[in-house]
């Protein structure tokens, strides 16, 4: 009995050591390749931190400061919410907000109406539907700056394509200075951006239509429904989740668009086509004041407005979809 006890005592450390070795070997073999993970993810995280996270945090910080160039250097003064109080009394900012919100209402409505109609036509394979699918999406691939410059020539008062065409058919009184008046530039911007971006909504809605099971459409036809009835009673109701996504994406795009407006009108004349994005750019980089505090406050305030607006729109549309 004593010999067995001694033997078991001697073997237990060995057994424990071998078990520990097995666990260590298993841990080594099951561990993830952290070096490879860091190699692939590291550059992306550095890029994200330097060009996304840091600018956002810096914008929030600058919004609380007043920056004044003095003696070859910039003197910063902490003023708290002073910049936010200032923007509430800024007439140009209020005008830019009105223009942007007007665009955010009219633009998505036009895009949804046009994109839905064209997506249904392409789904039912009208003649040349493959060509239309490519042609309507192509403007999305063109740079916004190029689009703005091209339509700046189209709207030229003297030799622009639009006015030349109007004069050619005898409508001289409609040949206006489209970008030089105060009542038309914003609508020109809305139209140009709509032309350049509705193809994206068209593709999303077309994808939503193709995802509808064909059995449901065939069942509607078997029950005696016509094509318009099938579209209105079967297909469009099943597109409601896609409608929510498209509307939110379109609205957010209008709230932050800069390049088309800047290339087409620069926010003028007399701020008639000014948007929040172009106004922030003008204050931060166009006036050479080196004061990033006030434009940062506008950016932060507008971010809060857009965030709340998107949340309310999403909640309202989601409830409508559930009903």
Protein backbone atom coordinates (compact mmCIF):
# COMPACT_ATOMS: atom_id res chain seq x y z
CA UNK A 1 0.00 0.00 0.00
CA UNK A 2 2.83 2.38 0.85
CA UNK A 3 4.59 1.57 -2.43
CA UNK A 4 1.45 2.33 -4.38
CA UNK A 5 1.05 5.60 -2.54
CA UNK A 6 4.62 6.58 -3.26
CA UNK A 7 4.21 5.65 -6.93
CA UNK A 8 1.05 7.67 -7.25
CA UNK A 9 2.74 10.57 -5.55
CA UNK A 10 5.60 10.45 -8.03
CA UNK A 11 3.37 10.12 -11.03
CA UNK A 12 0.99 12.93 -10.20
CA UNK A 13 3.47 15.74 -10.91
CA UNK A 14 4.35 14.12 -14.20
CA UNK A 15 0.73 13.77 -15.10
CA UNK A 16 0.08 17.38 -14.17
CA UNK A 17 3.11 18.57 -16.12
CA UNK A 18 2.17 16.59 -19.21
CA UNK A 19 -1.41 17.91 -18.96
CA UNK A 20 -0.04 21.46 -18.73
CA UNK A 21 2.13 20.87 -21.77
CA UNK A 22 -0.84 19.53 -23.72
CA UNK A 23 -2.89 22.58 -22.78
CA UNK A 24 -0.05 24.89 -23.80
CA UNK A 25 0.40 23.12 -27.11
CA UNK A 26 -3.34 23.27 -27.72
CA UNK A 27 -3.40 27.00 -26.92
CA UNK A 28 -0.50 27.64 -29.29
CA UNK A 29 -2.15 25.72 -32.11
CA UNK A 30 -5.58 27.31 -31.55
CA UNK A 31 -4.34 30.88 -31.18
CA UNK A 32 -5.21 33.38 -33.91
CA UNK A 33 -2.54 34.77 -36.26
CA UNK A 34 -2.39 38.18 -34.57
CA UNK A 35 0.50 39.29 -36.74
CA UNK A 36 -1.44 38.78 -39.96
CA UNK A 37 -4.54 40.35 -38.43
CA UNK A 38 -2.57 43.43 -37.42
CA UNK A 39 -0.96 43.59 -40.86
CA UNK A 40 -4.32 43.71 -42.65
CA UNK A 41 -6.37 45.72 -40.16
CA UNK A 42 -3.64 48.03 -38.86
CA UNK A 43 -3.37 50.37 -41.88
CA UNK A 44 -7.15 50.70 -42.06
CA UNK A 45 -7.40 51.53 -38.37
CA UNK A 46 -4.61 54.10 -38.68
CA UNK A 47 -6.32 55.68 -41.68
CA UNK A 48 -9.67 55.69 -39.88
CA UNK A 49 -8.16 57.22 -36.77
CA UNK A 50 -6.17 59.93 -38.56
CA UNK A 51 -8.71 60.96 -41.21
CA UNK A 52 -12.04 60.20 -39.48
CA UNK A 53 -11.83 60.04 -35.70
CA UNK A 54 -9.31 62.84 -35.19
CA UNK A 55 -11.07 65.38 -37.48
CA UNK A 56 -14.41 64.67 -35.76
CA UNK A 57 -12.96 65.13 -32.28
CA UNK A 58 -11.04 68.22 -33.41
CA UNK A 59 -14.24 69.73 -34.85
CA UNK A 60 -16.05 69.28 -31.55
CA UNK A 61 -13.08 70.84 -29.73
CA UNK A 62 -12.71 73.80 -32.11
CA UNK A 63 -16.43 74.56 -31.84
CA UNK A 64 -15.80 75.71 -28.26
CA UNK A 65 -12.96 78.06 -29.19
CA UNK A 66 -12.48 81.47 -30.73
CA UNK A 67 -9.37 81.65 -32.92
CA UNK A 68 -7.79 85.02 -33.66
CA UNK A 69 -4.59 85.51 -35.72
CA UNK A 70 -2.30 87.83 -33.78
CA UNK A 71 1.34 88.59 -34.46
CA UNK A 72 1.89 85.73 -36.86
CA UNK A 73 0.24 83.14 -34.62
CA UNK A 74 -3.28 82.08 -33.75
CA UNK A 75 -4.55 82.90 -30.28
CA UNK A 76 -7.26 80.51 -29.08
CA UNK A 77 -9.79 81.51 -26.45
CA UNK A 78 -12.25 79.14 -24.85
CA UNK A 79 -15.74 80.61 -25.21
CA UNK A 80 -17.91 77.56 -24.51
CA UNK A 81 -21.23 77.76 -26.31
CA UNK A 82 -20.59 81.26 -27.63
CA UNK A 83 -20.26 80.09 -31.23
CA UNK A 84 -23.56 78.21 -31.02
CA UNK A 85 -25.31 81.33 -29.76
CA UNK A 86 -23.82 83.26 -32.64
CA UNK A 87 -25.16 80.94 -35.33
CA UNK A 88 -28.72 81.39 -34.07
CA UNK A 89 -28.47 85.06 -35.04
CA UNK A 90 -26.67 84.47 -38.34
CA UNK A 91 -29.03 85.35 -41.19
CA UNK A 92 -26.88 83.65 -43.84
CA UNK A 93 -26.78 80.44 -41.81
CA UNK A 94 -30.56 80.49 -41.43
CA UNK A 95 -30.92 81.01 -45.20
CA UNK A 96 -28.53 78.10 -45.83
CA UNK A 97 -30.57 75.88 -43.49
CA UNK A 98 -33.80 76.79 -45.31
CA UNK A 99 -32.22 76.01 -48.69
CA UNK A 100 -30.81 72.71 -47.49
CA UNK A 101 -34.07 71.58 -45.89
CA UNK A 102 -36.03 72.58 -49.00
CA UNK A 103 -33.62 70.50 -51.03
CA UNK A 104 -33.91 67.64 -48.53
CA UNK A 105 -37.67 67.52 -49.05
CA UNK A 106 -37.96 68.09 -52.81
CA UNK A 107 -34.91 66.08 -53.90
CA UNK A 108 -35.78 62.70 -52.32
CA UNK A 109 -39.41 63.02 -53.44
CA UNK A 110 -38.37 63.53 -57.07
CA UNK A 111 -35.83 60.72 -56.88
CA UNK A 112 -38.28 58.24 -55.38
CA UNK A 113 -40.99 59.01 -57.93
CA UNK A 114 -38.66 58.77 -60.93
CA UNK A 115 -36.57 55.85 -59.68
CA UNK A 116 -39.62 53.77 -58.77
CA UNK A 117 -41.28 54.34 -62.14
CA UNK A 118 -38.15 53.50 -64.11
CA UNK A 119 -37.33 50.48 -61.94
CA UNK A 120 -40.79 49.02 -62.61
CA UNK A 121 -40.40 49.61 -66.36
CA UNK A 122 -37.00 47.91 -66.44
CA UNK A 123 -38.29 45.05 -64.29
CA UNK A 124 -40.98 44.30 -66.86
CA UNK A 125 -38.29 44.43 -69.58
CA UNK A 126 -39.55 47.18 -71.80
CA UNK A 127 -37.72 47.48 -75.15
CA UNK A 128 -34.07 48.49 -74.71
CA UNK A 129 -34.32 47.87 -70.96
CA UNK A 130 -30.66 46.82 -70.75
CA UNK A 131 -29.57 50.08 -72.34
CA UNK A 132 -31.79 52.11 -70.03
CA UNK A 133 -30.44 50.32 -66.96
CA UNK A 134 -26.92 51.31 -67.92
CA UNK A 135 -27.74 54.81 -69.14
CA UNK A 136 -29.72 55.82 -66.05
CA UNK A 137 -26.99 54.65 -63.68
CA UNK A 138 -24.05 56.15 -65.60
CA UNK A 139 -24.39 59.72 -64.19
CA UNK A 140 -23.77 58.32 -60.70
CA UNK A 141 -20.24 57.40 -61.79
CA UNK A 142 -19.39 60.95 -62.90
CA UNK A 143 -17.63 63.28 -60.47
CA UNK A 144 -19.89 65.90 -58.91
CA UNK A 145 -17.45 68.65 -59.83
CA UNK A 146 -17.57 67.64 -63.50
CA UNK A 147 -21.36 67.51 -63.40
CA UNK A 148 -21.49 71.00 -61.91
CA UNK A 149 -19.13 72.46 -64.49
CA UNK A 150 -20.95 70.87 -67.42
CA UNK A 151 -24.33 72.17 -66.30
CA UNK A 152 -22.79 75.56 -65.62
CA UNK A 153 -22.21 75.72 -69.36
CA UNK A 154 -25.69 74.34 -70.06
CA UNK A 155 -27.29 77.14 -68.02
CA UNK A 156 -25.13 79.91 -69.45
CA UNK A 157 -27.29 82.90 -70.27
CA UNK A 158 -25.73 83.67 -73.69
CA UNK A 159 -24.56 80.44 -75.30
CA UNK A 160 -25.84 77.78 -72.92
CA UNK A 161 -27.52 74.76 -74.45
CA UNK A 162 -30.81 75.40 -72.63
CA UNK A 163 -31.22 79.00 -73.71
CA UNK A 164 -30.07 78.26 -77.26
CA UNK A 165 -32.72 75.54 -77.51
CA UNK A 166 -35.41 77.83 -76.09
CA UNK A 167 -34.57 80.60 -78.55
CA UNK A 168 -34.52 78.12 -81.42
CA UNK A 169 -38.15 77.14 -80.81
CA UNK A 170 -39.32 80.73 -80.29
CA UNK A 171 -39.44 80.80 -76.47
CA UNK A 172 -37.08 83.72 -76.04
CA UNK A 173 -38.91 85.01 -72.99
CA UNK A 174 -38.05 81.79 -71.15
CA UNK A 175 -34.32 82.13 -71.90
CA UNK A 176 -33.39 83.36 -68.43
CA UNK A 177 -30.18 84.01 -66.58
CA UNK A 178 -30.69 80.77 -64.69
CA UNK A 179 -27.68 81.07 -62.40
CA UNK A 180 -27.70 84.86 -62.05
CA UNK A 181 -31.15 85.43 -60.58
CA UNK A 182 -32.14 84.96 -56.96
CA UNK A 183 -35.17 82.72 -57.55
CA UNK A 184 -33.77 80.05 -59.90
CA UNK A 185 -30.24 78.94 -58.86
CA UNK A 186 -31.42 76.69 -56.01
CA UNK A 187 -33.84 74.88 -58.31
CA UNK A 188 -31.07 74.48 -60.88
CA UNK A 189 -28.91 72.89 -58.18
CA UNK A 190 -31.75 70.57 -57.13
CA UNK A 191 -32.34 69.48 -60.73
CA UNK A 192 -28.65 68.89 -61.49
CA UNK A 193 -28.08 66.85 -58.34
CA UNK A 194 -31.28 64.91 -59.01
CA UNK A 195 -30.08 64.10 -62.53
CA UNK A 196 -26.71 62.95 -61.21
CA UNK A 197 -27.91 60.77 -58.32
CA UNK A 198 -31.35 59.31 -59.05
CA UNK A 199 -29.66 56.36 -60.78
CA UNK A 200 -28.41 55.12 -57.41
CA UNK A 201 -31.96 55.01 -56.02
CA UNK A 202 -33.06 53.37 -59.28
CA UNK A 203 -30.56 50.53 -58.87
CA UNK A 204 -31.52 49.93 -55.23
CA UNK A 205 -35.22 49.80 -56.06
CA UNK A 206 -34.61 47.56 -59.06
CA UNK A 207 -32.67 45.19 -56.80
CA UNK A 208 -35.59 45.23 -54.38
CA UNK A 209 -38.02 44.35 -57.17
CA UNK A 210 -35.90 41.44 -58.40
CA UNK A 211 -35.80 40.09 -54.84
CA UNK A 212 -39.60 39.68 -54.76
CA UNK A 213 -40.49 35.99 -55.22
CA UNK A 214 -41.89 35.39 -58.68
CA UNK A 215 -44.46 33.02 -57.18
CA UNK A 216 -46.27 35.96 -55.58
CA UNK A 217 -46.47 37.85 -58.85
CA UNK A 218 -47.64 34.77 -60.72
CA UNK A 219 -50.26 34.14 -58.04
CA UNK A 220 -51.57 37.68 -58.50
CA UNK A 221 -51.90 37.12 -62.25
CA UNK A 222 -53.66 33.80 -61.66
CA UNK A 223 -56.14 35.56 -59.36
CA UNK A 224 -56.99 37.88 -62.23
CA UNK A 225 -54.97 40.97 -61.29
CA UNK A 226 -53.76 43.20 -64.09
CA UNK A 227 -50.20 44.44 -64.32
CA UNK A 228 -50.98 47.86 -62.74
CA UNK A 229 -52.88 46.11 -59.93
CA UNK A 230 -50.00 43.70 -59.38
CA UNK A 231 -47.57 46.59 -59.15
CA UNK A 232 -49.70 48.64 -56.77
CA UNK A 233 -51.07 45.85 -54.58
CA UNK A 234 -48.21 43.34 -54.50
CA UNK A 235 -44.87 44.74 -55.63
CA UNK A 236 -44.81 48.24 -54.16
CA UNK A 237 -46.00 47.15 -50.69
CA UNK A 238 -43.18 44.62 -50.58
CA UNK A 239 -40.73 47.39 -51.44
CA UNK A 240 -41.48 49.36 -48.28
CA UNK A 241 -38.25 48.38 -46.45
CA UNK A 242 -36.27 49.38 -49.53
CA UNK A 243 -38.18 52.67 -49.71
CA UNK A 244 -37.10 53.45 -46.14
CA UNK A 245 -33.45 52.80 -46.94
CA UNK A 246 -33.52 54.79 -50.17
CA UNK A 247 -35.30 57.77 -48.62
CA UNK A 248 -32.88 57.98 -45.69
CA UNK A 249 -29.82 57.68 -47.93
CA UNK A 250 -31.19 60.30 -50.30
CA UNK A 251 -32.04 62.70 -47.48
CA UNK A 252 -28.59 62.33 -45.89
CA UNK A 253 -26.95 62.90 -49.25
CA UNK A 254 -28.76 66.20 -49.71
CA UNK A 255 -27.81 67.36 -46.22
CA UNK A 256 -24.07 67.11 -46.90
CA UNK A 257 -23.63 67.64 -50.64
CA UNK A 258 -20.97 70.19 -51.45
CA UNK A 259 -19.19 69.57 -54.75
CA UNK A 260 -22.13 69.99 -57.14
CA UNK A 261 -23.28 73.22 -55.48
CA UNK A 262 -19.78 74.67 -55.31
CA UNK A 263 -18.99 73.90 -58.94
CA UNK A 264 -22.37 75.10 -60.24
CA UNK A 265 -23.14 78.28 -58.26
CA UNK A 266 -20.65 78.57 -55.40
CA UNK A 267 -23.64 79.23 -53.15
CA UNK A 268 -24.62 82.43 -54.94
CA UNK A 269 -25.81 84.77 -56.08
CA UNK A 270 -26.47 86.60 -52.81
CA UNK A 271 -26.53 83.25 -50.95
CA UNK A 272 -29.67 82.22 -52.85
CA UNK A 273 -28.30 78.70 -53.38
CA UNK A 274 -26.17 78.57 -50.23
CA UNK A 275 -26.25 75.29 -48.34
CA UNK A 276 -24.86 74.51 -44.93
CA UNK A 277 -21.93 72.62 -46.46
CA UNK A 278 -20.92 75.48 -48.77
CA UNK A 279 -21.34 78.05 -45.99
CA UNK A 280 -19.06 76.09 -43.66
CA UNK A 281 -16.46 75.84 -46.43
CA UNK A 282 -16.67 79.58 -47.14
CA UNK A 283 -16.20 80.50 -43.49
CA UNK A 284 -13.40 78.03 -42.87
CA UNK A 285 -11.36 78.39 -46.05
CA UNK A 286 -12.81 81.16 -48.22
CA UNK A 287 -12.48 84.21 -45.98
CA UNK A 288 -8.88 83.59 -44.83
CA UNK A 289 -9.81 84.50 -41.28
CA UNK A 290 -8.16 81.35 -39.86
CA UNK A 291 -11.00 81.12 -37.34
CA UNK A 292 -12.12 77.49 -37.39
CA UNK A 293 -14.22 77.88 -34.25
CA UNK A 294 -17.42 79.26 -35.76
CA UNK A 295 -17.54 76.98 -38.84
CA UNK A 296 -16.82 74.02 -36.54
CA UNK A 297 -19.78 75.04 -34.40
CA UNK A 298 -21.99 75.15 -37.49
CA UNK A 299 -20.78 71.69 -38.50
CA UNK A 300 -21.45 70.26 -35.03
CA UNK A 301 -24.88 71.88 -34.80
CA UNK A 302 -25.84 70.68 -38.26
CA UNK A 303 -24.62 67.18 -37.44
CA UNK A 304 -26.98 67.13 -34.46
CA UNK A 305 -29.89 68.38 -36.60
CA UNK A 306 -29.30 65.76 -39.29
CA UNK A 307 -28.85 62.98 -36.72
CA UNK A 308 -32.15 63.81 -35.01
CA UNK A 309 -33.93 64.25 -38.36
CA UNK A 310 -32.74 60.89 -39.67
CA UNK A 311 -33.79 59.21 -36.43
CA UNK A 312 -37.29 60.69 -36.58
CA UNK A 313 -37.69 59.88 -40.29
CA UNK A 314 -36.50 56.32 -39.74
CA UNK A 315 -38.87 55.84 -36.82
CA UNK A 316 -41.85 57.26 -38.70
CA UNK A 317 -41.19 55.29 -41.87
CA UNK A 318 -40.54 52.08 -39.94
CA UNK A 319 -43.90 52.40 -38.22
CA UNK A 320 -45.59 52.93 -41.58
CA UNK A 321 -43.86 49.80 -42.92
CA UNK A 322 -45.02 47.72 -39.95
CA UNK A 323 -48.59 48.86 -40.50
